[in-house]
PDB file of all heavy atoms in Angstrom:
ATOM      1  N   GLY A   1     -21.264   1.731  39.805  1.00  0.00           N
ATOM      2  CA  GLY A   1     -21.557   0.701  40.791  1.00  0.00           C
ATOM      3  C   GLY A   1     -21.807   1.313  42.154  1.00  0.00           C
ATOM      4  O   GLY A   1     -22.018   2.518  42.287  1.00  0.00           O
ATOM      5  N   ALA A   2     -21.738   0.483  43.151  1.00  0.00           N
ATOM      6  CA  ALA A   2     -22.064   0.912  44.515  1.00  0.00           C
ATOM      7  C   ALA A   2     -20.865   1.615  45.138  1.00  0.00           C
ATOM      8  O   ALA A   2     -19.970   0.985  45.691  1.00  0.00           O
ATOM      9  CB  ALA A   2     -22.473  -0.283  45.354  1.00  0.00           C
ATOM     10  N   ILE A   3     -20.859   2.937  45.009  1.00  0.00           N
ATOM     11  CA  ILE A   3     -19.778   3.744  45.563  1.00  0.00           C
ATOM     12  C   ILE A   3     -20.358   4.655  46.629  1.00  0.00           C
ATOM     13  O   ILE A   3     -21.324   5.372  46.381  1.00  0.00           O
ATOM     14  CB  ILE A   3     -19.116   4.598  44.465  1.00  0.00           C
ATOM     15  CG1 ILE A   3     -18.589   3.708  43.346  1.00  0.00           C
ATOM     16  CG2 ILE A   3     -17.997   5.441  45.057  1.00  0.00           C
ATOM     17  CD1 ILE A   3     -18.138   4.460  42.130  1.00  0.00           C
ATOM     18  N   THR A   4     -19.736   4.624  47.791  1.00  0.00           N
ATOM     19  CA  THR A   4     -20.225   5.450  48.889  1.00  0.00           C
ATOM     20  C   THR A   4     -19.372   6.704  48.987  1.00  0.00           C
ATOM     21  O   THR A   4     -18.195   6.638  49.310  1.00  0.00           O
ATOM     22  CB  THR A   4     -20.167   4.681  50.214  1.00  0.00           C
ATOM     23  OG1 THR A   4     -20.935   3.481  50.079  1.00  0.00           O
ATOM     24  CG2 THR A   4     -20.721   5.527  51.338  1.00  0.00           C
ATOM     25  N   GLY A   5     -19.980   7.835  48.683  1.00  0.00           N
ATOM     26  CA  GLY A   5     -19.279   9.109  48.823  1.00  0.00           C
ATOM     27  C   GLY A   5     -18.199   9.307  47.792  1.00  0.00           C
ATOM     28  O   GLY A   5     -17.942   8.453  46.946  1.00  0.00           O
ATOM     29  N   ALA A   6     -17.559  10.479  47.885  1.00  0.00           N
ATOM     30  CA  ALA A   6     -16.474  10.787  46.964  1.00  0.00           C
ATOM     31  C   ALA A   6     -15.216  10.031  47.372  1.00  0.00           C
ATOM     32  O   ALA A   6     -14.960   9.827  48.554  1.00  0.00           O
ATOM     33  CB  ALA A   6     -16.202  12.280  46.975  1.00  0.00           C
ATOM     34  N   LYS A   7     -14.462   9.621  46.387  1.00  0.00           N
ATOM     35  CA  LYS A   7     -13.233   8.874  46.642  1.00  0.00           C
ATOM     36  C   LYS A   7     -12.080   9.560  45.924  1.00  0.00           C
ATOM     37  O   LYS A   7     -12.270  10.209  44.881  1.00  0.00           O
ATOM     38  CB  LYS A   7     -13.364   7.439  46.127  1.00  0.00           C
ATOM     39  CG  LYS A   7     -14.462   6.636  46.830  1.00  0.00           C
ATOM     40  CD  LYS A   7     -14.701   5.312  46.128  1.00  0.00           C
ATOM     41  CE  LYS A   7     -13.575   4.335  46.321  1.00  0.00           C
ATOM     42  NZ  LYS A   7     -13.545   3.807  47.702  1.00  0.00           N
ATOM     43  N   ALA A   8     -10.893   9.395  46.450  1.00  0.00           N
ATOM     44  CA  ALA A   8      -9.714   9.814  45.701  1.00  0.00           C
ATOM     45  C   ALA A   8      -9.624   8.979  44.434  1.00  0.00           C
ATOM     46  O   ALA A   8      -9.914   7.785  44.439  1.00  0.00           O
ATOM     47  CB  ALA A   8      -8.460   9.614  46.544  1.00  0.00           C
ATOM     48  N   MET A   9      -9.210   9.636  43.348  1.00  0.00           N
ATOM     49  CA  MET A   9      -9.047   8.935  42.081  1.00  0.00           C
ATOM     50  C   MET A   9      -7.682   9.287  41.510  1.00  0.00           C
ATOM     51  O   MET A   9      -7.120  10.342  41.812  1.00  0.00           O
ATOM     52  CB  MET A   9     -10.164   9.304  41.102  1.00  0.00           C
ATOM     53  CG  MET A   9     -11.541   8.927  41.609  1.00  0.00           C
ATOM     54  SD  MET A   9     -12.845   9.187  40.399  1.00  0.00           S
ATOM     55  CE  MET A   9     -12.563   7.781  39.302  1.00  0.00           C
ATOM     56  N   ALA A  10      -7.181   8.409  40.679  1.00  0.00           N
ATOM     57  CA  ALA A  10      -5.841   8.607  40.131  1.00  0.00           C
ATOM     58  C   ALA A  10      -5.782   8.108  38.695  1.00  0.00           C
ATOM     59  O   ALA A  10      -6.540   7.234  38.292  1.00  0.00           O
ATOM     60  CB  ALA A  10      -4.803   7.878  40.968  1.00  0.00           C
ATOM     61  N   TRP A  11      -4.853   8.683  37.955  1.00  0.00           N
ATOM     62  CA  TRP A  11      -4.542   8.227  36.613  1.00  0.00           C
ATOM     63  C   TRP A  11      -3.158   7.583  36.608  1.00  0.00           C
ATOM     64  O   TRP A  11      -2.231   8.065  37.288  1.00  0.00           O
ATOM     65  CB  TRP A  11      -4.566   9.384  35.621  1.00  0.00           C
ATOM     66  CG  TRP A  11      -5.950   9.749  35.181  1.00  0.00           C
ATOM     67  CD1 TRP A  11      -6.732  10.741  35.682  1.00  0.00           C
ATOM     68  CD2 TRP A  11      -6.700   9.116  34.153  1.00  0.00           C
ATOM     69  NE1 TRP A  11      -7.941  10.763  35.027  1.00  0.00           N
ATOM     70  CE2 TRP A  11      -7.941   9.769  34.078  1.00  0.00           C
ATOM     71  CE3 TRP A  11      -6.454   8.059  33.278  1.00  0.00           C
ATOM     72  CZ2 TRP A  11      -8.931   9.409  33.168  1.00  0.00           C
ATOM     73  CZ3 TRP A  11      -7.428   7.695  32.380  1.00  0.00           C
ATOM     74  CH2 TRP A  11      -8.662   8.371  32.326  1.00  0.00           C
ATOM     75  N   TYR A  12      -3.048   6.540  35.816  1.00  0.00           N
ATOM     76  CA  TYR A  12      -1.817   5.793  35.653  1.00  0.00           C
ATOM     77  C   TYR A  12      -1.611   5.552  34.159  1.00  0.00           C
ATOM     78  O   TYR A  12      -2.532   5.709  33.360  1.00  0.00           O
ATOM     79  CB  TYR A  12      -1.919   4.418  36.332  1.00  0.00           C
ATOM     80  CG  TYR A  12      -2.329   4.432  37.778  1.00  0.00           C
ATOM     81  CD1 TYR A  12      -3.651   4.650  38.150  1.00  0.00           C
ATOM     82  CD2 TYR A  12      -1.395   4.195  38.789  1.00  0.00           C
ATOM     83  CE1 TYR A  12      -4.037   4.648  39.475  1.00  0.00           C
ATOM     84  CE2 TYR A  12      -1.773   4.179  40.120  1.00  0.00           C
ATOM     85  CZ  TYR A  12      -3.095   4.403  40.446  1.00  0.00           C
ATOM     86  OH  TYR A  12      -3.469   4.396  41.766  1.00  0.00           O
ATOM     87  N   ARG A  13      -0.417   5.105  33.823  1.00  0.00           N
ATOM     88  CA  ARG A  13      -0.196   4.645  32.456  1.00  0.00           C
ATOM     89  C   ARG A  13       0.772   3.478  32.471  1.00  0.00           C
ATOM     90  O   ARG A  13       1.552   3.296  33.413  1.00  0.00           O
ATOM     91  CB  ARG A  13       0.339   5.766  31.560  1.00  0.00           C
ATOM     92  CG  ARG A  13       1.736   6.247  31.902  1.00  0.00           C
ATOM     93  CD  ARG A  13       2.111   7.435  31.038  1.00  0.00           C
ATOM     94  NE  ARG A  13       3.442   7.929  31.348  1.00  0.00           N
ATOM     95  CZ  ARG A  13       3.939   9.058  30.850  1.00  0.00           C
ATOM     96  NH1 ARG A  13       3.210   9.815  30.029  1.00  0.00           N
ATOM     97  NH2 ARG A  13       5.159   9.438  31.176  1.00  0.00           N
ATOM     98  N   GLN A  14       0.711   2.703  31.402  1.00  0.00           N
ATOM     99  CA  GLN A  14       1.579   1.537  31.314  1.00  0.00           C
ATOM    100  C   GLN A  14       2.018   1.317  29.879  1.00  0.00           C
ATOM    101  O   GLN A  14       1.188   1.299  28.958  1.00  0.00           O
ATOM    102  CB  GLN A  14       0.862   0.289  31.833  1.00  0.00           C
ATOM    103  CG  GLN A  14       1.749  -0.928  31.939  1.00  0.00           C
ATOM    104  CD  GLN A  14       1.067  -2.062  32.666  1.00  0.00           C
ATOM    105  OE1 GLN A  14      -0.156  -2.172  32.681  1.00  0.00           O
ATOM    106  NE2 GLN A  14       1.864  -2.924  33.288  1.00  0.00           N
ATOM    107  N   VAL A  15       3.302   1.151  29.720  1.00  0.00           N
ATOM    108  CA  VAL A  15       3.897   0.758  28.443  1.00  0.00           C
ATOM    109  C   VAL A  15       4.132  -0.741  28.514  1.00  0.00           C
ATOM    110  O   VAL A  15       4.583  -1.236  29.549  1.00  0.00           O
ATOM    111  CB  VAL A  15       5.214   1.508  28.201  1.00  0.00           C
ATOM    112  CG1 VAL A  15       5.890   1.006  26.929  1.00  0.00           C
ATOM    113  CG2 VAL A  15       4.977   3.007  28.144  1.00  0.00           C
ATOM    114  N   PRO A  16       3.826  -1.479  27.463  1.00  0.00           N
ATOM    115  CA  PRO A  16       4.051  -2.941  27.501  1.00  0.00           C
ATOM    116  C   PRO A  16       5.465  -3.280  27.962  1.00  0.00           C
ATOM    117  O   PRO A  16       6.444  -2.698  27.483  1.00  0.00           O
ATOM    118  CB  PRO A  16       3.808  -3.367  26.054  1.00  0.00           C
ATOM    119  CG  PRO A  16       2.847  -2.364  25.525  1.00  0.00           C
ATOM    120  CD  PRO A  16       3.225  -1.069  26.187  1.00  0.00           C
ATOM    121  N   GLY A  17       5.518  -4.201  28.924  1.00  0.00           N
ATOM    122  CA  GLY A  17       6.810  -4.621  29.447  1.00  0.00           C
ATOM    123  C   GLY A  17       7.288  -3.822  30.636  1.00  0.00           C
ATOM    124  O   GLY A  17       8.288  -4.180  31.267  1.00  0.00           O
ATOM    125  N   ASN A  18       6.588  -2.733  30.934  1.00  0.00           N
ATOM    126  CA  ASN A  18       6.964  -1.885  32.073  1.00  0.00           C
ATOM    127  C   ASN A  18       5.893  -1.939  33.155  1.00  0.00           C
ATOM    128  O   ASN A  18       4.750  -2.325  32.908  1.00  0.00           O
ATOM    129  CB  ASN A  18       7.141  -0.430  31.620  1.00  0.00           C
ATOM    130  CG  ASN A  18       8.369  -0.234  30.769  1.00  0.00           C
ATOM    131  OD1 ASN A  18       9.088  -1.185  30.467  1.00  0.00           O
ATOM    132  ND2 ASN A  18       8.607   0.998  30.375  1.00  0.00           N
ATOM    133  N   ASP A  19       6.267  -1.497  34.364  1.00  0.00           N
ATOM    134  CA  ASP A  19       5.296  -1.390  35.439  1.00  0.00           C
ATOM    135  C   ASP A  19       4.327  -0.247  35.160  1.00  0.00           C
ATOM    136  O   ASP A  19       4.651   0.702  34.447  1.00  0.00           O
ATOM    137  CB  ASP A  19       6.005  -1.123  36.768  1.00  0.00           C
ATOM    138  CG  ASP A  19       6.816  -2.323  37.226  1.00  0.00           C
ATOM    139  OD1 ASP A  19       6.497  -3.455  36.815  1.00  0.00           O
ATOM    140  OD2 ASP A  19       7.760  -2.112  38.010  1.00  0.00           O
ATOM    141  N   ARG A  20       3.156  -0.359  35.765  1.00  0.00           N
ATOM    142  CA  ARG A  20       2.184   0.723  35.676  1.00  0.00           C
ATOM    143  C   ARG A  20       2.722   1.924  36.459  1.00  0.00           C
ATOM    144  O   ARG A  20       3.228   1.775  37.564  1.00  0.00           O
ATOM    145  CB  ARG A  20       0.842   0.264  36.211  1.00  0.00           C
ATOM    146  CG  ARG A  20      -0.316   1.159  35.885  1.00  0.00           C
ATOM    147  CD  ARG A  20      -1.623   0.487  36.239  1.00  0.00           C
ATOM    148  NE  ARG A  20      -2.076  -0.430  35.203  1.00  0.00           N
ATOM    149  CZ  ARG A  20      -2.351  -1.721  35.396  1.00  0.00           C
ATOM    150  NH1 ARG A  20      -2.219  -2.242  36.589  1.00  0.00           N
ATOM    151  NH2 ARG A  20      -2.772  -2.480  34.402  1.00  0.00           N
ATOM    152  N   GLU A  21       2.603   3.114  35.887  1.00  0.00           N
ATOM    153  CA  GLU A  21       3.182   4.341  36.443  1.00  0.00           C
ATOM    154  C   GLU A  21       2.072   5.279  36.909  1.00  0.00           C
ATOM    155  O   GLU A  21       1.166   5.612  36.135  1.00  0.00           O
ATOM    156  CB  GLU A  21       4.017   5.025  35.353  1.00  0.00           C
ATOM    157  CG  GLU A  21       4.577   6.380  35.711  1.00  0.00           C
ATOM    158  CD  GLU A  21       5.261   7.049  34.528  1.00  0.00           C
ATOM    159  OE1 GLU A  21       4.962   6.709  33.367  1.00  0.00           O
ATOM    160  OE2 GLU A  21       6.090   7.946  34.762  1.00  0.00           O
ATOM    161  N   LEU A  22       2.168   5.712  38.152  1.00  0.00           N
ATOM    162  CA  LEU A  22       1.211   6.675  38.689  1.00  0.00           C
ATOM    163  C   LEU A  22       1.513   8.057  38.120  1.00  0.00           C
ATOM    164  O   LEU A  22       2.661   8.500  38.140  1.00  0.00           O
ATOM    165  CB  LEU A  22       1.289   6.707  40.209  1.00  0.00           C
ATOM    166  CG  LEU A  22       0.455   7.761  40.920  1.00  0.00           C
ATOM    167  CD1 LEU A  22      -1.032   7.530  40.697  1.00  0.00           C
ATOM    168  CD2 LEU A  22       0.783   7.781  42.413  1.00  0.00           C
ATOM    169  N   LEU A  23       0.484   8.747  37.655  1.00  0.00           N
ATOM    170  CA  LEU A  23       0.671  10.078  37.075  1.00  0.00           C
ATOM    171  C   LEU A  23       0.117  11.194  37.958  1.00  0.00           C
ATOM    172  O   LEU A  23       0.764  12.223  38.144  1.00  0.00           O
ATOM    173  CB  LEU A  23      -0.014  10.157  35.717  1.00  0.00           C
ATOM    174  CG  LEU A  23       0.552   9.292  34.608  1.00  0.00           C
ATOM    175  CD1 LEU A  23      -0.356   9.332  33.397  1.00  0.00           C
ATOM    176  CD2 LEU A  23       1.957   9.736  34.249  1.00  0.00           C
ATOM    177  N   ALA A  24      -1.097  11.006  38.447  1.00  0.00           N
ATOM    178  CA  ALA A  24      -1.750  12.104  39.162  1.00  0.00           C
ATOM    179  C   ALA A  24      -2.848  11.560  40.055  1.00  0.00           C
ATOM    180  O   ALA A  24      -3.475  10.548  39.732  1.00  0.00           O
ATOM    181  CB  ALA A  24      -2.346  13.101  38.163  1.00  0.00           C
ATOM    182  N   ILE A  25      -3.058  12.246  41.177  1.00  0.00           N
ATOM    183  CA  ILE A  25      -4.100  11.892  42.135  1.00  0.00           C
ATOM    184  C   ILE A  25      -4.933  13.130  42.421  1.00  0.00           C
ATOM    185  O   ILE A  25      -4.389  14.234  42.583  1.00  0.00           O
ATOM    186  CB  ILE A  25      -3.500  11.380  43.463  1.00  0.00           C
ATOM    187  CG1 ILE A  25      -2.695  10.106  43.238  1.00  0.00           C
ATOM    188  CG2 ILE A  25      -4.595  11.127  44.497  1.00  0.00           C
ATOM    189  CD1 ILE A  25      -1.925   9.646  44.482  1.00  0.00           C
ATOM    190  N   ILE A  26      -6.240  12.931  42.503  1.00  0.00           N
ATOM    191  CA  ILE A  26      -7.128  13.954  43.043  1.00  0.00           C
ATOM    192  C   ILE A  26      -7.774  13.358  44.287  1.00  0.00           C
ATOM    193  O   ILE A  26      -8.406  12.309  44.231  1.00  0.00           O
ATOM    194  CB  ILE A  26      -8.170  14.439  42.005  1.00  0.00           C
ATOM    195  CG1 ILE A  26      -9.029  15.555  42.589  1.00  0.00           C
ATOM    196  CG2 ILE A  26      -9.009  13.301  41.453  1.00  0.00           C
ATOM    197  CD1 ILE A  26      -9.819  16.324  41.527  1.00  0.00           C
ATOM    198  N   SER A  27      -7.580  14.021  45.417  1.00  0.00           N
ATOM    199  CA  SER A  27      -8.030  13.472  46.685  1.00  0.00           C
ATOM    200  C   SER A  27      -9.538  13.670  46.861  1.00  0.00           C
ATOM    201  O   SER A  27     -10.195  14.340  46.053  1.00  0.00           O
ATOM    202  CB  SER A  27      -7.284  14.140  47.835  1.00  0.00           C
ATOM    203  OG  SER A  27      -7.794  15.455  48.048  1.00  0.00           O
ATOM    204  N   ARG A  28     -10.064  13.131  47.961  1.00  0.00           N
ATOM    205  CA  ARG A  28     -11.491  13.321  48.258  1.00  0.00           C
ATOM    206  C   ARG A  28     -11.836  14.793  48.385  1.00  0.00           C
ATOM    207  O   ARG A  28     -12.971  15.199  48.121  1.00  0.00           O
ATOM    208  CB  ARG A  28     -11.863  12.594  49.546  1.00  0.00           C
ATOM    209  CG  ARG A  28     -11.856  11.085  49.447  1.00  0.00           C
ATOM    210  CD  ARG A  28     -12.482  10.459  50.699  1.00  0.00           C
ATOM    211  NE  ARG A  28     -11.819  10.877  51.910  1.00  0.00           N
ATOM    212  CZ  ARG A  28     -12.357  11.670  52.824  1.00  0.00           C
ATOM    213  NH1 ARG A  28     -13.584  12.141  52.668  1.00  0.00           N
ATOM    214  NH2 ARG A  28     -11.686  11.985  53.911  1.00  0.00           N
ATOM    215  N   THR A  29     -10.865  15.579  48.824  1.00  0.00           N
ATOM    216  CA  THR A  29     -11.092  17.014  48.992  1.00  0.00           C
ATOM    217  C   THR A  29     -10.522  17.815  47.833  1.00  0.00           C
ATOM    218  O   THR A  29     -10.308  19.019  47.942  1.00  0.00           O
ATOM    219  CB  THR A  29     -10.477  17.496  50.313  1.00  0.00           C
ATOM    220  OG1 THR A  29      -9.084  17.154  50.308  1.00  0.00           O
ATOM    221  CG2 THR A  29     -11.168  16.842  51.502  1.00  0.00           C
ATOM    222  N   ASP A  30     -10.222  17.118  46.741  1.00  0.00           N
ATOM    223  CA  ASP A  30      -9.765  17.733  45.487  1.00  0.00           C
ATOM    224  C   ASP A  30      -8.365  18.325  45.572  1.00  0.00           C
ATOM    225  O   ASP A  30      -8.012  19.202  44.779  1.00  0.00           O
ATOM    226  CB  ASP A  30     -10.765  18.766  44.971  1.00  0.00           C
ATOM    227  CG  ASP A  30     -12.069  18.136  44.522  1.00  0.00           C
ATOM    228  OD1 ASP A  30     -12.117  16.888  44.412  1.00  0.00           O
ATOM    229  OD2 ASP A  30     -13.047  18.867  44.290  1.00  0.00           O
ATOM    230  N   THR A  31      -7.572  17.851  46.515  1.00  0.00           N
ATOM    231  CA  THR A  31      -6.148  18.181  46.500  1.00  0.00           C
ATOM    232  C   THR A  31      -5.489  17.405  45.363  1.00  0.00           C
ATOM    233  O   THR A  31      -5.764  16.220  45.177  1.00  0.00           O
ATOM    234  CB  THR A  31      -5.496  17.808  47.835  1.00  0.00           C
ATOM    235  OG1 THR A  31      -6.115  18.562  48.876  1.00  0.00           O
ATOM    236  CG2 THR A  31      -4.008  18.086  47.815  1.00  0.00           C
ATOM    237  N   LEU A  32      -4.622  18.083  44.621  1.00  0.00           N
ATOM    238  CA  LEU A  32      -3.999  17.481  43.441  1.00  0.00           C
ATOM    239  C   LEU A  32      -2.542  17.145  43.724  1.00  0.00           C
ATOM    240  O   LEU A  32      -1.814  17.949  44.328  1.00  0.00           O
ATOM    241  CB  LEU A  32      -4.079  18.443  42.259  1.00  0.00           C
ATOM    242  CG  LEU A  32      -5.463  19.017  41.931  1.00  0.00           C
ATOM    243  CD1 LEU A  32      -5.379  19.931  40.717  1.00  0.00           C
ATOM    244  CD2 LEU A  32      -6.467  17.915  41.715  1.00  0.00           C
ATOM    245  N   THR A  33      -2.113  15.987  43.257  1.00  0.00           N
ATOM    246  CA  THR A  33      -0.732  15.547  43.376  1.00  0.00           C
ATOM    247  C   THR A  33      -0.303  14.976  42.033  1.00  0.00           C
ATOM    248  O   THR A  33      -1.050  14.204  41.433  1.00  0.00           O
ATOM    249  CB  THR A  33      -0.582  14.463  44.459  1.00  0.00           C
ATOM    250  OG1 THR A  33      -1.099  14.949  45.691  1.00  0.00           O
ATOM    251  CG2 THR A  33       0.882  14.089  44.646  1.00  0.00           C
ATOM    252  N   TYR A  34       0.901  15.374  41.595  1.00  0.00           N
ATOM    253  CA  TYR A  34       1.389  14.931  40.293  1.00  0.00           C
ATOM    254  C   TYR A  34       2.749  14.267  40.417  1.00  0.00           C
ATOM    255  O   TYR A  34       3.613  14.705  41.182  1.00  0.00           O
ATOM    256  CB  TYR A  34       1.522  16.121  39.340  1.00  0.00           C
ATOM    257  CG  TYR A  34       0.208  16.758  38.984  1.00  0.00           C
ATOM    258  CD1 TYR A  34      -0.247  17.887  39.654  1.00  0.00           C
ATOM    259  CD2 TYR A  34      -0.577  16.227  37.971  1.00  0.00           C
ATOM    260  CE1 TYR A  34      -1.461  18.467  39.330  1.00  0.00           C
ATOM    261  CE2 TYR A  34      -1.788  16.810  37.636  1.00  0.00           C
ATOM    262  CZ  TYR A  34      -2.223  17.921  38.317  1.00  0.00           C
ATOM    263  OH  TYR A  34      -3.421  18.500  37.984  1.00  0.00           O
TER     264      TYR A  34
END
């Protein structure tokens, strides 16, 4: 779709009945956080 420039992206996971859990982020400048 209409995306302007690079954006930070992240992965999450969810088990039924639980909150969605953040796993990892890659920033606009490719800095990684886990």
